[in-house]
Amino acid sequence: MDHPARQYYNPHITAAEERVLLRRNYLLNQTGQAALGLVGPHLHGIAVEPRPNAIVLHFAIIERTAEVEEDLDDIIFELSVFLGGGPEQHSEIAAEIHVGRTDATWPGRRHALLYVAKPEAG
């Protein structure tokens, strides 16, 4: 049986492209679950970069503090728990931390965006 999401795909998508999309969406969903309650005012962006046998989480933060580091570590830990027992259970999870805005200078912009804070007024 076809995957239920196939109705939303480009009809010319290949099986390999479909697998890439399904994996990306799965990782976005699991990362979103892992980040619940941990996104505060210090975190301006989260992007997910699926790599072969690895997942890179790109974070954009205001400044590096012990509290921020702990929140990012908690997101990574929670993601590893959510992925346990599933197809990504052996994938390495890495973090790339960018201190600054989520503009074009943030490497996460090139990957699947999970969260981008609204720009501050003024």
N, C-alpha and C. Protein backbone atom coordinates (compact mmCIF):
# COMPACT_ATOMS: atom_id res chain seq x y z
N MET A 1 0.84 -1.19 0.00
CA MET A 1 0.00 0.00 0.00
C MET A 1 0.88 1.25 0.00
N ASP A 2 0.46 2.22 -0.76
CA ASP A 2 1.20 3.48 -0.80
C ASP A 2 1.15 4.18 0.54
N HIS A 3 2.14 5.01 0.78
CA HIS A 3 2.16 5.82 1.99
C HIS A 3 1.04 6.86 1.88
N PRO A 4 0.28 7.10 2.97
CA PRO A 4 -0.83 8.05 2.90
C PRO A 4 -0.42 9.46 2.50
N ALA A 5 0.82 9.84 2.79
CA ALA A 5 1.27 11.18 2.45
C ALA A 5 1.56 11.34 0.96
N ARG A 6 1.60 10.25 0.22
CA ARG A 6 1.95 10.31 -1.20
C ARG A 6 1.03 11.27 -1.97
N GLN A 7 -0.21 11.40 -1.53
CA GLN A 7 -1.13 12.28 -2.24
C GLN A 7 -0.68 13.74 -2.23
N TYR A 8 0.21 14.09 -1.32
CA TYR A 8 0.69 15.46 -1.23
C TYR A 8 2.02 15.67 -1.95
N TYR A 9 2.60 14.62 -2.50
CA TYR A 9 3.90 14.70 -3.16
C TYR A 9 3.75 15.08 -4.62
N ASN A 10 4.79 15.57 -5.16
CA ASN A 10 4.90 15.75 -6.59
C ASN A 10 4.75 14.38 -7.23
N PRO A 11 3.91 14.22 -8.23
CA PRO A 11 3.68 12.89 -8.80
C PRO A 11 4.93 12.29 -9.46
N HIS A 12 5.93 13.11 -9.70
CA HIS A 12 7.14 12.62 -10.37
C HIS A 12 8.29 12.36 -9.39
N ILE A 13 7.99 12.36 -8.11
CA ILE A 13 9.04 12.15 -7.11
C ILE A 13 9.50 10.68 -7.16
N THR A 14 10.79 10.50 -6.98
CA THR A 14 11.32 9.14 -7.00
C THR A 14 11.20 8.51 -5.62
N ALA A 15 11.38 7.21 -5.56
CA ALA A 15 11.32 6.50 -4.27
C ALA A 15 12.42 7.01 -3.34
N ALA A 16 13.60 7.29 -3.88
CA ALA A 16 14.70 7.80 -3.04
C ALA A 16 14.37 9.19 -2.49
N GLU A 17 13.78 10.05 -3.31
CA GLU A 17 13.40 11.38 -2.85
C GLU A 17 12.30 11.29 -1.79
N GLU A 18 11.41 10.33 -1.95
CA GLU A 18 10.35 10.13 -0.97
C GLU A 18 10.93 9.70 0.38
N ARG A 19 11.90 8.80 0.36
CA ARG A 19 12.55 8.36 1.61
C ARG A 19 13.24 9.53 2.29
N VAL A 20 13.88 10.39 1.52
CA VAL A 20 14.56 11.56 2.09
C VAL A 20 13.55 12.48 2.77
N LEU A 21 12.42 12.73 2.11
CA LEU A 21 11.38 13.59 2.68
C LEU A 21 10.78 12.97 3.94
N LEU A 22 10.49 11.69 3.90
CA LEU A 22 9.92 11.03 5.07
C LEU A 22 10.88 11.08 6.25
N ARG A 23 12.16 10.86 6.00
CA ARG A 23 13.15 10.91 7.08
C ARG A 23 13.25 12.33 7.64
N ARG A 24 13.33 13.31 6.76
CA ARG A 24 13.42 14.70 7.21
C ARG A 24 12.22 15.07 8.07
N ASN A 25 11.03 14.72 7.61
CA ASN A 25 9.82 15.06 8.35
C ASN A 25 9.76 14.32 9.69
N TYR A 26 10.19 13.08 9.71
CA TYR A 26 10.25 12.31 10.96
C TYR A 26 11.19 12.99 11.95
N LEU A 27 12.37 13.39 11.48
CA LEU A 27 13.34 14.03 12.36
C LEU A 27 12.86 15.40 12.84
N LEU A 28 12.19 16.16 11.98
CA LEU A 28 11.61 17.43 12.40
C LEU A 28 10.57 17.22 13.49
N ASN A 29 9.71 16.25 13.29
CA ASN A 29 8.67 15.95 14.27
C ASN A 29 9.28 15.54 15.62
N GLN A 30 10.23 14.65 15.59
CA GLN A 30 10.84 14.17 16.83
C GLN A 30 11.63 15.28 17.53
N THR A 31 12.30 16.11 16.77
CA THR A 31 13.05 17.23 17.36
C THR A 31 12.09 18.24 17.98
N GLY A 32 10.97 18.48 17.31
CA GLY A 32 9.95 19.37 17.87
C GLY A 32 9.44 18.87 19.21
N GLN A 33 9.19 17.57 19.29
CA GLN A 33 8.75 16.97 20.55
C GLN A 33 9.83 17.12 21.62
N ALA A 34 11.08 16.91 21.23
CA ALA A 34 12.19 16.99 22.18
C ALA A 34 12.39 18.41 22.70
N ALA A 35 12.06 19.40 21.89
CA ALA A 35 12.29 20.80 22.26
C ALA A 35 11.15 21.42 23.05
N LEU A 36 10.02 20.72 23.17
CA LEU A 36 8.88 21.28 23.90
C LEU A 36 9.28 21.68 25.32
N GLY A 37 8.96 22.90 25.68
CA GLY A 37 9.27 23.40 27.01
C GLY A 37 10.69 23.90 27.18
N LEU A 38 11.52 23.75 26.16
CA LEU A 38 12.92 24.15 26.27
C LEU A 38 13.28 25.34 25.38
N VAL A 39 12.31 25.83 24.63
CA VAL A 39 12.55 26.98 23.77
C VAL A 39 12.19 28.23 24.56
N GLY A 40 13.22 28.99 24.90
CA GLY A 40 13.01 30.22 25.66
C GLY A 40 13.46 31.42 24.86
N PRO A 41 13.48 32.58 25.48
CA PRO A 41 13.83 33.81 24.77
C PRO A 41 15.28 33.84 24.28
N HIS A 42 16.12 32.99 24.82
CA HIS A 42 17.53 32.95 24.42
C HIS A 42 17.75 32.18 23.13
N LEU A 43 16.75 31.38 22.72
CA LEU A 43 16.87 30.52 21.54
C LEU A 43 16.08 31.14 20.40
N HIS A 44 16.78 31.51 19.33
CA HIS A 44 16.13 32.18 18.21
C HIS A 44 15.86 31.27 17.03
N GLY A 45 16.49 30.11 16.99
CA GLY A 45 16.23 29.23 15.86
C GLY A 45 16.71 27.82 16.07
N ILE A 46 15.96 26.87 15.48
CA ILE A 46 16.37 25.47 15.46
C ILE A 46 16.13 24.97 14.04
N ALA A 47 17.13 24.34 13.48
CA ALA A 47 17.01 23.71 12.16
C ALA A 47 17.58 22.30 12.27
N VAL A 48 17.07 21.42 11.42
CA VAL A 48 17.48 20.02 11.44
C VAL A 48 18.14 19.68 10.10
N GLU A 49 19.32 19.13 10.19
CA GLU A 49 20.06 18.70 8.99
C GLU A 49 20.26 17.19 9.05
N PRO A 50 19.49 16.44 8.29
CA PRO A 50 19.72 15.00 8.25
C PRO A 50 20.97 14.70 7.41
N ARG A 51 21.85 13.90 7.96
CA ARG A 51 23.03 13.42 7.24
C ARG A 51 23.00 11.90 7.30
N PRO A 52 23.77 11.24 6.45
CA PRO A 52 23.80 9.77 6.54
C PRO A 52 24.28 9.35 7.93
N ASN A 53 23.48 8.58 8.63
CA ASN A 53 23.79 8.06 9.96
C ASN A 53 24.01 9.14 11.01
N ALA A 54 23.52 10.35 10.75
CA ALA A 54 23.70 11.44 11.71
C ALA A 54 22.59 12.48 11.55
N ILE A 55 22.43 13.24 12.61
CA ILE A 55 21.48 14.35 12.63
C ILE A 55 22.22 15.53 13.23
N VAL A 56 22.23 16.64 12.52
CA VAL A 56 22.85 17.86 13.05
C VAL A 56 21.73 18.84 13.39
N LEU A 57 21.71 19.26 14.64
CA LEU A 57 20.76 20.29 15.07
C LEU A 57 21.49 21.62 15.04
N HIS A 58 20.96 22.54 14.29
CA HIS A 58 21.53 23.89 14.19
C HIS A 58 20.73 24.80 15.11
N PHE A 59 21.42 25.42 16.05
CA PHE A 59 20.79 26.33 17.00
C PHE A 59 21.30 27.74 16.76
N ALA A 60 20.41 28.71 16.82
CA ALA A 60 20.79 30.12 16.82
C ALA A 60 20.40 30.67 18.18
N ILE A 61 21.39 31.19 18.91
CA ILE A 61 21.15 31.68 20.26
C ILE A 61 21.64 33.12 20.39
N ILE A 62 21.13 33.79 21.43
CA ILE A 62 21.53 35.18 21.70
C ILE A 62 22.94 35.24 22.27
N GLU A 63 23.18 34.41 23.30
CA GLU A 63 24.50 34.34 23.91
C GLU A 63 24.67 32.98 24.55
N ARG A 64 25.91 32.59 24.73
CA ARG A 64 26.22 31.30 25.33
C ARG A 64 26.31 31.45 26.84
N THR A 65 25.39 30.79 27.54
CA THR A 65 25.41 30.79 29.00
C THR A 65 25.23 29.35 29.47
N ALA A 66 25.44 29.13 30.74
CA ALA A 66 25.25 27.79 31.30
C ALA A 66 23.80 27.33 31.13
N GLU A 67 22.86 28.23 31.31
CA GLU A 67 21.44 27.89 31.16
C GLU A 67 21.13 27.48 29.72
N VAL A 68 21.64 28.24 28.77
CA VAL A 68 21.42 27.92 27.35
C VAL A 68 22.04 26.57 27.01
N GLU A 69 23.28 26.36 27.44
CA GLU A 69 23.96 25.09 27.18
C GLU A 69 23.16 23.92 27.75
N GLU A 70 22.62 24.09 28.94
CA GLU A 70 21.83 23.03 29.56
C GLU A 70 20.55 22.75 28.75
N ASP A 71 19.88 23.80 28.29
CA ASP A 71 18.68 23.61 27.48
C ASP A 71 19.00 22.87 26.17
N LEU A 72 20.09 23.25 25.52
CA LEU A 72 20.46 22.59 24.27
C LEU A 72 20.83 21.13 24.52
N ASP A 73 21.57 20.88 25.60
CA ASP A 73 21.89 19.49 25.96
C ASP A 73 20.63 18.69 26.25
N ASP A 74 19.66 19.33 26.90
CA ASP A 74 18.39 18.64 27.19
C ASP A 74 17.63 18.31 25.91
N ILE A 75 17.65 19.21 24.94
CA ILE A 75 16.99 18.94 23.65
C ILE A 75 17.65 17.73 22.98
N ILE A 76 18.97 17.71 22.97
CA ILE A 76 19.70 16.60 22.35
C ILE A 76 19.41 15.29 23.08
N PHE A 77 19.42 15.33 24.40
CA PHE A 77 19.13 14.13 25.18
C PHE A 77 17.71 13.64 24.90
N GLU A 78 16.74 14.54 24.94
CA GLU A 78 15.36 14.16 24.69
C GLU A 78 15.20 13.59 23.28
N LEU A 79 15.87 14.17 22.31
CA LEU A 79 15.79 13.64 20.95
C LEU A 79 16.33 12.22 20.89
N SER A 80 17.45 11.98 21.57
CA SER A 80 18.01 10.62 21.57
C SER A 80 17.03 9.62 22.19
N VAL A 81 16.29 10.05 23.22
CA VAL A 81 15.29 9.19 23.84
C VAL A 81 14.15 8.91 22.85
N PHE A 82 13.66 9.96 22.18
CA PHE A 82 12.57 9.79 21.22
C PHE A 82 12.98 8.90 20.05
N LEU A 83 14.24 8.94 19.67
CA LEU A 83 14.69 8.14 18.54
C LEU A 83 15.02 6.70 18.93
N GLY A 84 15.16 6.42 20.22
CA GLY A 84 15.49 5.08 20.70
C GLY A 84 14.46 4.06 20.25
N GLY A 85 14.93 2.94 19.76
CA GLY A 85 14.05 1.87 19.32
C GLY A 85 13.50 2.06 17.93
N GLY A 86 13.77 3.20 17.30
CA GLY A 86 13.27 3.46 15.96
C GLY A 86 14.37 3.36 14.92
N PRO A 87 14.04 3.74 13.69
CA PRO A 87 15.01 3.61 12.60
C PRO A 87 16.24 4.50 12.74
N GLU A 88 16.17 5.51 13.58
CA GLU A 88 17.29 6.44 13.76
C GLU A 88 18.03 6.23 15.08
N GLN A 89 17.78 5.12 15.75
CA GLN A 89 18.33 4.91 17.09
C GLN A 89 19.86 4.91 17.13
N HIS A 90 20.51 4.60 16.02
CA HIS A 90 21.97 4.57 16.01
C HIS A 90 22.59 5.81 15.35
N SER A 91 21.75 6.74 14.95
CA SER A 91 22.27 7.96 14.33
C SER A 91 22.91 8.84 15.38
N GLU A 92 24.07 9.37 15.04
CA GLU A 92 24.76 10.32 15.92
C GLU A 92 24.00 11.65 15.88
N ILE A 93 23.88 12.29 17.03
CA ILE A 93 23.24 13.61 17.10
C ILE A 93 24.32 14.62 17.46
N ALA A 94 24.48 15.61 16.61
CA ALA A 94 25.47 16.66 16.83
C ALA A 94 24.77 18.01 16.85
N ALA A 95 25.42 18.99 17.46
CA ALA A 95 24.87 20.34 17.53
C ALA A 95 25.86 21.33 16.94
N GLU A 96 25.32 22.25 16.15
CA GLU A 96 26.08 23.38 15.64
C GLU A 96 25.42 24.62 16.26
N ILE A 97 26.20 25.39 17.01
CA ILE A 97 25.64 26.54 17.73
C ILE A 97 26.15 27.82 17.09
N HIS A 98 25.21 28.66 16.72
CA HIS A 98 25.48 29.96 16.12
C HIS A 98 25.04 31.04 17.11
N VAL A 99 25.95 31.89 17.49
CA VAL A 99 25.59 33.00 18.37
C VAL A 99 25.29 34.19 17.46
N GLY A 100 24.01 34.49 17.37
CA GLY A 100 23.57 35.59 16.50
C GLY A 100 22.17 35.35 16.00
N ARG A 101 21.79 36.14 15.05
CA ARG A 101 20.44 36.11 14.51
C ARG A 101 20.23 34.93 13.54
N THR A 102 18.98 34.76 13.16
CA THR A 102 18.63 33.68 12.23
C THR A 102 18.59 34.19 10.79
N ASP A 103 19.41 35.17 10.49
CA ASP A 103 19.46 35.71 9.13
C ASP A 103 20.33 34.81 8.25
N ALA A 104 20.74 35.31 7.13
CA ALA A 104 21.52 34.52 6.16
C ALA A 104 22.88 34.07 6.71
N THR A 105 23.35 34.67 7.80
CA THR A 105 24.63 34.25 8.37
C THR A 105 24.51 32.96 9.18
N TRP A 106 23.29 32.57 9.53
CA TRP A 106 23.06 31.35 10.30
C TRP A 106 23.08 30.14 9.37
N PRO A 107 24.01 29.20 9.57
CA PRO A 107 24.06 28.02 8.71
C PRO A 107 22.78 27.19 8.70
N GLY A 108 21.98 27.28 9.76
CA GLY A 108 20.74 26.54 9.81
C GLY A 108 19.74 26.93 8.74
N ARG A 109 19.86 28.12 8.19
CA ARG A 109 18.95 28.59 7.14
C ARG A 109 18.93 27.68 5.92
N ARG A 110 19.99 26.92 5.71
CA ARG A 110 20.08 26.04 4.54
C ARG A 110 19.41 24.69 4.77
N HIS A 111 18.86 24.48 5.96
CA HIS A 111 18.32 23.16 6.31
C HIS A 111 16.85 23.27 6.71
N ALA A 112 16.28 22.18 7.16
CA ALA A 112 14.86 22.14 7.51
C ALA A 112 14.62 22.95 8.78
N LEU A 113 13.88 24.04 8.66
CA LEU A 113 13.63 24.93 9.79
C LEU A 113 12.52 24.35 10.67
N LEU A 114 12.81 24.26 11.94
CA LEU A 114 11.82 23.81 12.91
C LEU A 114 11.23 25.01 13.65
N TYR A 115 12.10 25.95 14.02
CA TYR A 115 11.66 27.09 14.82
C TYR A 115 12.51 28.30 14.47
N VAL A 116 11.85 29.42 14.22
CA VAL A 116 12.53 30.70 14.03
C VAL A 116 11.72 31.75 14.78
N ALA A 117 12.36 32.41 15.74
CA ALA A 117 11.68 33.42 16.56
C ALA A 117 11.33 34.63 15.69
N LYS A 118 10.24 35.27 16.08
CA LYS A 118 9.87 36.51 15.41
C LYS A 118 10.94 37.56 15.72
N PRO A 119 11.25 38.40 14.74
CA PRO A 119 12.21 39.48 15.02
C PRO A 119 11.63 40.44 16.05
N GLU A 120 12.51 40.95 16.87
CA GLU A 120 12.05 41.93 17.87
C GLU A 120 11.70 43.23 17.21
N ALA A 121 10.65 43.87 17.67
CA ALA A 121 10.23 45.16 17.13
C ALA A 121 11.23 46.24 17.53
N GLY A 122 11.44 47.14 16.63
CA GLY A 122 12.28 48.28 16.95
C GLY A 122 13.62 48.08 16.46
